[in-house]
C-alpha atoms as a PDB file:
ATOM      1  CA  MET A   1      15.859 -14.061   2.331  1.00  0.00           C
ATOM      2  CA  GLU A   2      13.691 -11.610   0.710  1.00  0.00           C
ATOM      3  CA  LEU A   3      14.126  -7.805   0.844  1.00  0.00           C
ATOM      4  CA  THR A   4      11.628  -6.223   3.132  1.00  0.00           C
ATOM      5  CA  LEU A   5       9.852  -3.061   1.443  1.00  0.00           C
ATOM      6  CA  THR A   6       6.999  -2.760   3.855  1.00  0.00           C
ATOM      7  CA  PRO A   7       7.300  -0.657   6.929  1.00  0.00           C
ATOM      8  CA  ASN A   8       9.458  -2.591   9.399  1.00  0.00           C
ATOM      9  CA  ILE A   9      10.894   0.140  11.776  1.00  0.00           C
ATOM     10  CA  ALA A  10       9.535   0.625  15.129  1.00  0.00           C
ATOM     11  CA  ALA A  11       8.968   4.367  15.649  1.00  0.00           C
ATOM     12  CA  PRO A  12      10.040   5.426  12.244  1.00  0.00           C
ATOM     13  CA  ASP A  13       9.437   9.091  12.922  1.00  0.00           C
ATOM     14  CA  ASP A  14      12.013   8.887  15.877  1.00  0.00           C
ATOM     15  CA  PHE A  15      14.500   7.027  13.541  1.00  0.00           C
ATOM     16  CA  TYR A  16      14.066   9.726  10.883  1.00  0.00           C
ATOM     17  CA  ALA A  17      14.576  12.494  13.518  1.00  0.00           C
ATOM     18  CA  ALA A  18      17.714  10.674  14.751  1.00  0.00           C
ATOM     19  CA  LEU A  19      19.162  10.368  11.218  1.00  0.00           C
ATOM     20  CA  LEU A  20      18.650  14.029  10.526  1.00  0.00           C
ATOM     21  CA  ALA A  21      20.125  14.926  14.025  1.00  0.00           C
ATOM     22  CA  THR A  22      23.238  12.877  13.125  1.00  0.00           C
ATOM     23  CA  HIS A  23      23.739  15.161  10.130  1.00  0.00           C
ATOM     24  CA  ASP A  24      23.416  18.391  12.145  1.00  0.00           C
ATOM     25  CA  GLY A  25      26.432  20.649  11.831  1.00  0.00           C
ATOM     26  CA  LEU A  26      27.971  18.633   8.929  1.00  0.00           C
ATOM     27  CA  THR A  27      29.159  20.076   5.751  1.00  0.00           C
ATOM     28  CA  ARG A  28      27.415  18.621   2.597  1.00  0.00           C
ATOM     29  CA  ALA A  29      30.613  16.514   1.947  1.00  0.00           C
ATOM     30  CA  GLU A  30      30.724  15.176   5.545  1.00  0.00           C
ATOM     31  CA  SER A  31      26.982  14.384   5.254  1.00  0.00           C
ATOM     32  CA  GLU A  32      27.565  12.468   1.952  1.00  0.00           C
ATOM     33  CA  ALA A  33      30.352  10.633   3.615  1.00  0.00           C
ATOM     34  CA  LEU A  34      28.304   9.689   6.664  1.00  0.00           C
ATOM     35  CA  ASN A  35      25.622   8.374   4.282  1.00  0.00           C
ATOM     36  CA  ALA A  36      28.110   6.396   2.405  1.00  0.00           C
ATOM     37  CA  ARG A  37      29.574   4.869   5.650  1.00  0.00           C
ATOM     38  CA  LEU A  38      26.125   4.249   6.988  1.00  0.00           C
ATOM     39  CA  ILE A  39      25.231   2.300   3.723  1.00  0.00           C
ATOM     40  CA  LEU A  40      28.372   0.159   4.050  1.00  0.00           C
ATOM     41  CA  ILE A  41      27.727  -0.614   7.666  1.00  0.00           C
ATOM     42  CA  LEU A  42      24.094  -1.689   7.009  1.00  0.00           C
ATOM     43  CA  ALA A  43      25.136  -3.556   3.986  1.00  0.00           C
ATOM     44  CA  ASN A  44      27.757  -5.455   6.066  1.00  0.00           C
ATOM     45  CA  HIS A  45      25.048  -6.217   8.568  1.00  0.00           C
ATOM     46  CA  ILE A  46      22.605  -7.586   6.059  1.00  0.00           C
ATOM     47  CA  GLY A  47      25.462  -9.647   4.430  1.00  0.00           C
ATOM     48  CA  ASP A  48      23.263 -11.402   1.921  1.00  0.00           C
ATOM     49  CA  HIS A  49      24.347 -10.458  -1.626  1.00  0.00           C
ATOM     50  CA  ALA A  50      20.863 -11.342  -2.991  1.00  0.00           C
ATOM     51  CA  VAL A  51      18.992  -9.099  -0.664  1.00  0.00           C
ATOM     52  CA  LEU A  52      21.589  -6.205  -1.373  1.00  0.00           C
ATOM     53  CA  SER A  53      21.081  -6.679  -5.044  1.00  0.00           C
ATOM     54  CA  GLN A  54      17.279  -6.450  -4.565  1.00  0.00           C
ATOM     55  CA  ALA A  55      17.888  -3.243  -2.329  1.00  0.00           C
ATOM     56  CA  LEU A  56      20.022  -1.655  -5.160  1.00  0.00           C
ATOM     57  CA  HIS A  57      17.329  -2.324  -7.757  1.00  0.00           C
ATOM     58  CA  ALA A  58      14.607  -0.982  -5.530  1.00  0.00           C
ATOM     59  CA  ALA A  59      16.451   2.148  -4.824  1.00  0.00           C
ATOM     60  CA  LEU A  60      16.733   3.051  -8.523  1.00  0.00           C
ATOM     61  CA  PRO A  61      14.386   5.720  -9.748  1.00  0.00           C
ATOM     62  CA  PRO A  62      11.631   4.659 -12.078  1.00  0.00           C
ATOM     63  CA  PRO A  63      12.879   4.337 -15.640  1.00  0.00           C
ATOM     64  CA  ALA A  64      10.873   7.477 -16.614  1.00  0.00           C
ATOM     65  CA  LYS A  65      12.745   9.614 -14.015  1.00  0.00           C
ATOM     66  CA  ARG A  66      16.239   8.460 -14.742  1.00  0.00           C
ATOM     67  CA  ALA A  67      18.607  10.773 -16.477  1.00  0.00           C
ATOM     68  CA  PRO A  68      19.420   9.897 -20.091  1.00  0.00           C
ATOM     69  CA  THR A  69      22.541   7.946 -20.746  1.00  0.00           C
END
């Protein structure tokens, strides 16, 4: 299976609004924890290590924008 990077969400604006609404009233720490749980839930749903590896790579900032190590 390949990672889908082209738009693939029905009603993406509605999903984005729901995502933001889910964070309403949370502290920064609670919001970050929600994001972490959501990532793990979706990763579990995908279940394919190769696809998850592709997603990790795709999520990295471009090399020119990465913090120096």
